[in-house]
Amino acid sequence: MDRRTFVSVVAGTCLLEPLVVRAQQAGKVFRIGLLFPATAPAPRLREGAEVLIASLRDLGWVAGKNLIVETRYAGVNPQRQRELAAELKALPVALIIAVGTITIRAARDGAPGVPIVMVNAGDPVGAEFVASLARPGGDLTGTSAAGEEVLAKQLKLLSAAAPQLRRVGMLMNSANPANGFFFDAMASRAKTLGLQLDRIEVTGEGELDGAIMRAKGGALVVVGDPLFNLNRERITALAIRSRVPSVHDGRDYVVAGGLISYVSSRLWHWRSAAGFVDKILKGAKPADIPVEQPTKFELVINLKTAKALGLTIPQSLLLRADEVIQ
């Protein structure tokens, strides 16, 4: 049997348990899809999904009463993601919630005509998911990661942590449609900081070792991607071994040994997604619902890693951090 999970949540039942719950109450029941770029319910996905369900409940959408959530774990293979998006469309579902740029594109291509709620889209305009943030104009809307602005800030943080830096590698998954836009935008930002930005793309985890070695003598910006998140311990260990300071898009990386993380609040994206679902189920068209961008960002620093790399983090940077890992 294909690896997939049919999920509905009732009362205290956890969202990501492998079961289907039939609505027990008369009246219209909406079925929605949730497409994850993972093969199993990792803790961060579980937490995000639970926030989504709780936020939907606050808006009057109760699993087992007027809502059924179908969850699919598609992994990081775009073809598999498209197949499961098509499967959700065939059920049918009223909409699909898709997480991350590559999965969002797969959901769009695999389920044409189905409304897509984007969660943490890197650059929805550059990826041609929407015509503009204010007027999406199609079947997609949701939250954007404010990618260009976040990456620019990550570069500044790296430069502040390691003032001697002259070269930075940008680690990207070649399957991500936003790569070109991000790299071009960030190359100009790097110049203002006196940095040379190198493009380092990989097509799979087998290329990670060589990719990180290419950053030796400089630093590394790890662009948010499910492929990298699945291999975060390997990436951070290789970076430390190669004495490469690294900046990431999530606390999990810093806990694993990355130097710095700067990213928007992950749970904000899930709470916001519930609002988009509510509007669409009530009849609004994605084309008319503006894409939302985060306003709160979290900075996490690993002092143990800084010591291993021979870096002294400025006190001014430490005071700005939301969390410092000793």
Protein backbone atom coordinates (compact mmCIF):
# COMPACT_ATOMS: atom_id res chain seq x y z
CA MET A 1 0.00 0.00 0.00
CA ASP A 2 1.18 3.56 -0.72
CA ARG A 3 2.41 5.47 2.28
CA ARG A 4 -0.47 7.76 3.10
CA THR A 5 -2.70 8.59 6.00
CA PHE A 6 -6.37 9.47 6.09
CA VAL A 7 -6.91 11.84 8.99
CA SER A 8 -9.82 13.45 10.75
CA VAL A 9 -9.72 14.92 14.21
CA VAL A 10 -12.40 14.50 16.83
CA ALA A 11 -12.31 16.21 20.24
CA GLY A 12 -9.04 15.18 21.93
CA THR A 13 -7.87 12.96 19.08
CA CYS A 14 -4.54 14.12 17.65
CA LEU A 15 -4.74 15.37 14.08
CA LEU A 16 -2.04 13.16 12.72
CA GLU A 17 -3.27 9.76 13.92
CA PRO A 18 -3.93 7.39 10.99
CA LEU A 19 -7.71 7.20 10.96
CA VAL A 20 -10.80 8.59 9.28
CA VAL A 21 -13.70 9.89 11.31
CA ARG A 22 -17.11 10.18 9.65
CA ALA A 23 -19.14 13.19 10.57
CA GLN A 24 -21.79 12.24 13.11
CA GLN A 25 -23.96 15.31 12.82
CA ALA A 26 -26.46 16.13 10.11
CA GLY A 27 -25.76 19.14 7.93
CA LYS A 28 -23.09 20.00 5.41
CA VAL A 29 -19.66 18.55 6.07
CA PHE A 30 -16.65 20.00 4.24
CA ARG A 31 -13.67 17.83 3.33
CA ILE A 32 -10.30 19.55 2.99
CA GLY A 33 -6.85 18.22 2.10
CA LEU A 34 -3.54 18.76 3.87
CA LEU A 35 -0.42 18.00 1.80
CA PHE A 36 2.87 17.65 3.68
CA PRO A 37 6.40 17.51 2.17
CA ALA A 38 7.36 14.68 4.52
CA THR A 39 6.89 10.93 4.77
CA ALA A 40 5.83 10.89 8.43
CA PRO A 41 4.35 13.28 11.03
CA ALA A 42 7.50 14.96 12.36
CA PRO A 43 7.05 16.95 15.61
CA ARG A 44 7.11 20.35 13.88
CA LEU A 45 4.43 19.20 11.42
CA ARG A 46 2.34 17.74 14.22
CA GLU A 47 2.53 20.98 16.19
CA GLY A 48 1.63 23.08 13.16
CA ALA A 49 -1.31 20.86 12.26
CA GLU A 50 -2.62 20.96 15.81
CA VAL A 51 -2.48 24.78 15.76
CA LEU A 52 -4.37 24.72 12.45
CA ILE A 53 -7.11 22.47 13.85
CA ALA A 54 -7.42 24.51 17.06
CA SER A 55 -7.64 27.74 15.04
CA LEU A 56 -10.29 26.24 12.76
CA ARG A 57 -12.25 25.14 15.82
CA ASP A 58 -12.21 28.72 17.09
CA LEU A 59 -13.75 29.74 13.78
CA GLY A 60 -16.53 27.17 14.10
CA TRP A 61 -15.03 24.35 12.01
CA VAL A 62 -15.03 21.23 14.16
CA ALA A 63 -13.60 17.94 12.90
CA GLY A 64 -16.22 15.23 13.03
CA LYS A 65 -19.00 17.79 13.04
CA ASN A 66 -18.73 19.93 9.94
CA LEU A 67 -15.16 19.22 8.81
CA ILE A 68 -13.08 16.26 7.64
CA VAL A 69 -9.33 16.70 7.14
CA GLU A 70 -7.57 14.34 4.73
CA THR A 71 -3.81 14.35 5.31
CA ARG A 72 -1.22 13.06 2.85
CA TYR A 73 2.50 12.63 3.44
CA ALA A 74 4.04 13.13 0.02
CA GLY A 75 7.75 13.23 0.89
CA VAL A 76 10.05 15.55 -1.06
CA ASN A 77 9.50 14.02 -4.51
CA PRO A 78 7.48 16.49 -6.64
CA GLN A 79 5.97 13.70 -8.75
CA ARG A 80 4.66 11.94 -5.65
CA GLN A 81 3.33 15.25 -4.36
CA ARG A 82 1.43 15.80 -7.61
CA GLU A 83 -0.02 12.29 -7.46
CA LEU A 84 -1.36 12.76 -3.95
CA ALA A 85 -2.73 16.20 -4.83
CA ALA A 86 -4.65 14.54 -7.68
CA GLU A 87 -5.88 11.90 -5.23
CA LEU A 88 -7.20 14.61 -2.91
CA LYS A 89 -8.95 16.32 -5.82
CA ALA A 90 -10.67 13.04 -6.73
CA LEU A 91 -12.18 12.53 -3.25
CA PRO A 92 -13.19 15.42 -3.72
CA VAL A 93 -11.89 18.08 -1.32
CA ALA A 94 -13.08 21.68 -1.14
CA LEU A 95 -9.49 22.94 -0.95
CA ILE A 96 -5.91 21.79 -0.36
CA ILE A 97 -3.53 23.26 2.21
CA ALA A 98 0.02 22.88 0.85
CA VAL A 99 3.24 23.52 2.79
CA GLY A 100 6.30 25.10 1.16
CA THR A 101 7.04 26.29 -2.37
CA ILE A 102 7.73 22.95 -4.05
CA THR A 103 4.67 21.28 -2.52
CA ILE A 104 2.48 24.27 -3.39
CA ARG A 105 3.53 24.01 -7.03
CA ALA A 106 2.86 20.26 -7.00
CA ALA A 107 -0.60 20.82 -5.51
CA ARG A 108 -1.40 23.42 -8.16
CA ASP A 109 -0.25 21.16 -10.99
CA GLY A 110 -1.73 17.96 -9.59
CA ALA A 111 -5.14 19.40 -8.68
CA PRO A 112 -5.97 22.15 -11.19
CA GLY A 113 -9.11 24.06 -10.34
CA VAL A 114 -8.98 23.21 -6.63
CA PRO A 115 -8.42 26.20 -4.29
CA ILE A 116 -4.95 26.02 -2.72
CA VAL A 117 -4.11 27.59 0.64
CA MET A 118 -0.37 28.23 0.65
CA VAL A 119 1.54 27.85 3.91
CA ASN A 120 4.94 29.56 3.98
CA ALA A 121 5.37 30.14 0.25
CA GLY A 122 8.87 31.44 -0.42
CA ASP A 123 7.97 33.95 -3.13
CA PRO A 124 4.46 33.42 -4.53
CA VAL A 125 4.78 36.22 -7.09
CA GLY A 126 8.23 35.18 -8.36
CA ALA A 127 7.08 31.55 -8.50
CA GLU A 128 4.03 32.70 -10.50
CA PHE A 129 1.55 31.30 -8.00
CA VAL A 130 -0.24 34.66 -7.77
CA ALA A 131 -0.39 37.79 -9.90
CA SER A 132 0.25 39.99 -6.87
CA LEU A 133 0.06 39.71 -3.10
CA ALA A 134 -2.92 42.06 -2.95
CA ARG A 135 -4.86 40.43 -5.81
CA PRO A 136 -3.78 36.80 -6.28
CA GLY A 137 -6.05 36.40 -9.29
CA GLY A 138 -6.20 32.60 -9.45
CA ASP A 139 -6.84 29.51 -7.35
CA LEU A 140 -4.03 30.14 -4.83
CA THR A 141 -3.72 32.35 -1.78
CA GLY A 142 -2.25 32.01 1.72
CA THR A 143 0.91 33.06 3.53
CA SER A 144 4.27 34.11 2.16
CA ALA A 145 7.58 33.64 3.95
CA ALA A 146 8.74 37.15 2.97
CA GLY A 147 11.70 35.25 1.57
CA GLU A 148 13.83 37.98 0.02
CA GLU A 149 13.66 40.15 3.13
CA VAL A 150 14.44 37.22 5.43
CA LEU A 151 17.44 36.11 3.38
CA ALA A 152 18.79 39.67 3.33
CA LYS A 153 18.55 39.78 7.12
CA GLN A 154 20.25 36.38 7.36
CA LEU A 155 23.18 37.73 5.35
CA LYS A 156 23.46 40.71 7.70
CA LEU A 157 23.41 38.44 10.75
CA LEU A 158 26.17 36.25 9.30
CA SER A 159 28.23 39.31 8.53
CA ALA A 160 27.76 40.60 12.06
CA ALA A 161 28.69 37.24 13.61
CA ALA A 162 31.74 36.78 11.38
CA PRO A 163 32.99 40.21 10.23
CA GLN A 164 35.92 38.66 8.35
CA LEU A 165 33.59 36.95 5.88
CA ARG A 166 34.10 37.69 2.21
CA ARG A 167 32.25 34.79 0.56
CA VAL A 168 28.90 33.14 1.25
CA GLY A 169 27.41 30.07 -0.39
CA MET A 170 23.64 29.88 -0.90
CA LEU A 171 22.51 26.24 -0.57
CA MET A 172 19.35 25.62 -2.61
CA ASN A 173 17.29 22.70 -3.86
CA SER A 174 17.36 22.89 -7.67
CA ALA A 175 13.67 21.84 -7.74
CA ASN A 176 12.58 25.07 -6.03
CA PRO A 177 11.08 27.49 -8.59
CA ALA A 178 11.97 30.55 -6.49
CA ASN A 179 15.74 29.93 -6.61
CA GLY A 180 16.54 32.24 -9.49
CA PHE A 181 14.61 35.16 -8.08
CA PHE A 182 16.07 34.73 -4.61
CA PHE A 183 19.64 34.38 -5.80
CA ASP A 184 19.52 37.42 -8.08
CA ALA A 185 17.94 39.52 -5.35
CA MET A 186 20.41 38.35 -2.73
CA ALA A 187 23.49 38.79 -4.92
CA SER A 188 22.85 42.53 -5.04
CA ARG A 189 22.27 42.62 -1.27
CA ALA A 190 25.53 40.74 -0.71
CA LYS A 191 27.49 43.35 -2.66
CA THR A 192 26.36 46.08 -0.27
CA LEU A 193 27.90 44.03 2.56
CA GLY A 194 31.13 43.40 0.65
CA LEU A 195 30.27 39.73 0.18
CA GLN A 196 30.53 37.45 -2.82
CA LEU A 197 27.49 35.19 -3.10
CA ASP A 198 27.98 31.75 -4.66
CA ARG A 199 25.10 29.66 -5.98
CA ILE A 200 25.22 26.08 -4.62
CA GLU A 201 22.39 23.90 -5.90
CA VAL A 202 21.73 20.23 -5.17
CA THR A 203 19.25 17.75 -6.61
CA GLY A 204 19.31 15.25 -3.73
CA GLU A 205 20.84 14.39 -0.38
CA GLY A 206 23.72 12.53 -2.05
CA GLU A 207 25.14 15.88 -3.16
CA LEU A 208 25.10 17.57 0.25
CA ASP A 209 28.64 16.67 1.33
CA GLY A 210 30.22 18.11 -1.79
CA ALA A 211 27.97 21.16 -1.70
CA ILE A 212 28.96 22.11 1.83
CA MET A 213 32.63 21.56 1.03
CA ARG A 214 32.24 24.18 -1.69
CA ALA A 215 31.42 26.71 1.03
CA LYS A 216 34.66 25.99 2.94
CA GLY A 217 36.52 29.19 3.68
CA GLY A 218 33.28 31.15 3.73
CA ALA A 219 29.80 30.79 5.19
CA LEU A 220 26.54 29.14 4.22
CA VAL A 221 22.95 30.33 3.87
CA VAL A 222 20.69 27.26 3.88
CA VAL A 223 17.51 28.22 2.03
CA GLY A 224 14.37 26.73 3.58
CA ASP A 225 13.46 23.41 1.94
CA PRO A 226 12.06 20.04 3.10
CA LEU A 227 15.10 18.25 1.64
CA PHE A 228 17.40 20.24 3.91
CA ASN A 229 15.16 19.96 6.95
CA LEU A 230 15.17 16.16 6.65
CA ASN A 231 18.98 16.31 6.61
CA ARG A 232 19.52 19.15 9.07
CA GLU A 233 21.73 17.20 11.49
CA ARG A 234 23.96 16.08 8.65
CA ILE A 235 24.15 19.58 7.19
CA THR A 236 25.01 21.27 10.47
CA ALA A 237 27.59 18.60 11.39
CA LEU A 238 29.28 18.96 8.00
CA ALA A 239 29.28 22.74 8.34
CA ILE A 240 30.96 22.60 11.75
CA ARG A 241 33.49 20.03 10.54
CA SER A 242 34.33 22.29 7.59
CA ARG A 243 34.39 25.34 9.89
CA VAL A 244 31.62 27.00 7.90
CA PRO A 245 29.28 29.35 9.83
CA SER A 246 25.70 28.67 8.77
CA VAL A 247 22.39 30.48 8.94
CA HIS A 248 19.04 28.71 8.65
CA ASP A 249 15.29 29.15 8.54
CA GLY A 250 14.31 27.33 11.72
CA ARG A 251 15.19 26.73 15.36
CA ASP A 252 15.50 22.97 14.72
CA TYR A 253 18.66 23.60 12.71
CA VAL A 254 20.27 25.60 15.52
CA VAL A 255 19.39 22.92 18.07
CA ALA A 256 21.09 20.45 15.71
CA GLY A 257 24.24 22.61 15.62
CA GLY A 258 23.61 25.41 13.13
CA LEU A 259 25.00 28.80 14.12
CA ILE A 260 22.03 31.10 13.55
CA SER A 261 18.37 30.87 12.63
CA TYR A 262 16.25 33.80 11.54
CA VAL A 263 12.76 33.15 10.27
CA SER A 264 9.14 34.14 10.65
CA SER A 265 7.07 32.43 13.33
CA ARG A 266 6.15 28.99 11.96
CA LEU A 267 2.97 28.77 14.02
CA TRP A 268 1.83 32.15 12.71
CA HIS A 269 1.59 30.61 9.25
CA TRP A 270 -0.66 27.82 10.55
CA ARG A 271 -2.93 30.16 12.49
CA SER A 272 -3.25 32.37 9.42
CA ALA A 273 -3.97 29.35 7.20
CA ALA A 274 -7.10 28.66 9.25
CA GLY A 275 -8.41 32.11 8.35
CA PHE A 276 -7.95 31.42 4.64
CA VAL A 277 -9.72 28.07 4.96
CA ASP A 278 -12.61 29.75 6.79
CA LYS A 279 -13.05 32.37 4.08
CA ILE A 280 -12.93 29.89 1.20
CA LEU A 281 -15.35 27.45 2.83
CA LYS A 282 -17.73 30.36 3.33
CA GLY A 283 -17.65 31.15 -0.38
CA ALA A 284 -14.78 33.59 -0.93
CA LYS A 285 -12.58 33.07 -3.99
CA PRO A 286 -8.80 32.69 -3.53
CA ALA A 287 -8.36 35.19 -6.37
CA ASP A 288 -9.81 37.92 -4.15
CA ILE A 289 -8.11 37.09 -0.82
CA PRO A 290 -4.78 38.93 -0.36
CA VAL A 291 -1.69 36.92 0.49
CA GLU A 292 -0.45 37.63 4.03
CA GLN A 293 3.16 38.22 5.04
CA PRO A 294 4.57 37.75 8.55
CA THR A 295 5.54 40.67 10.73
CA LYS A 296 7.20 38.77 13.60
CA PHE A 297 10.56 37.02 13.20
CA GLU A 298 12.59 34.88 15.59
CA LEU A 299 16.37 34.93 16.05
CA VAL A 300 18.10 31.92 17.62
CA ILE A 301 21.88 31.63 18.18
CA ASN A 302 23.99 28.61 19.18
CA LEU A 303 26.94 29.76 21.32
CA LYS A 304 28.43 26.27 21.49
CA THR A 305 28.68 26.22 17.71
CA ALA A 306 30.13 29.73 17.68
CA LYS A 307 32.88 28.56 20.05
CA ALA A 308 33.60 25.50 17.90
CA LEU A 309 33.99 27.81 14.90
CA GLY A 310 36.20 30.25 16.81
CA LEU A 311 33.65 33.06 16.63
CA THR A 312 32.74 35.62 19.28
CA ILE A 313 29.14 36.69 18.85
CA PRO A 314 28.75 40.44 19.54
CA GLN A 315 26.82 41.22 22.71
CA SER A 316 24.50 43.47 20.71
CA LEU A 317 23.47 40.45 18.63
CA LEU A 318 22.95 38.26 21.67
CA LEU A 319 20.69 40.86 23.26
CA ARG A 320 18.49 40.84 20.15
CA ALA A 321 18.13 37.05 20.14
CA ASP A 322 14.84 35.41 21.11
CA GLU A 323 16.82 32.38 22.30
CA VAL A 324 20.50 31.64 22.92
CA ILE A 325 21.53 27.99 23.05
CA GLN A 326 24.52 27.49 25.32
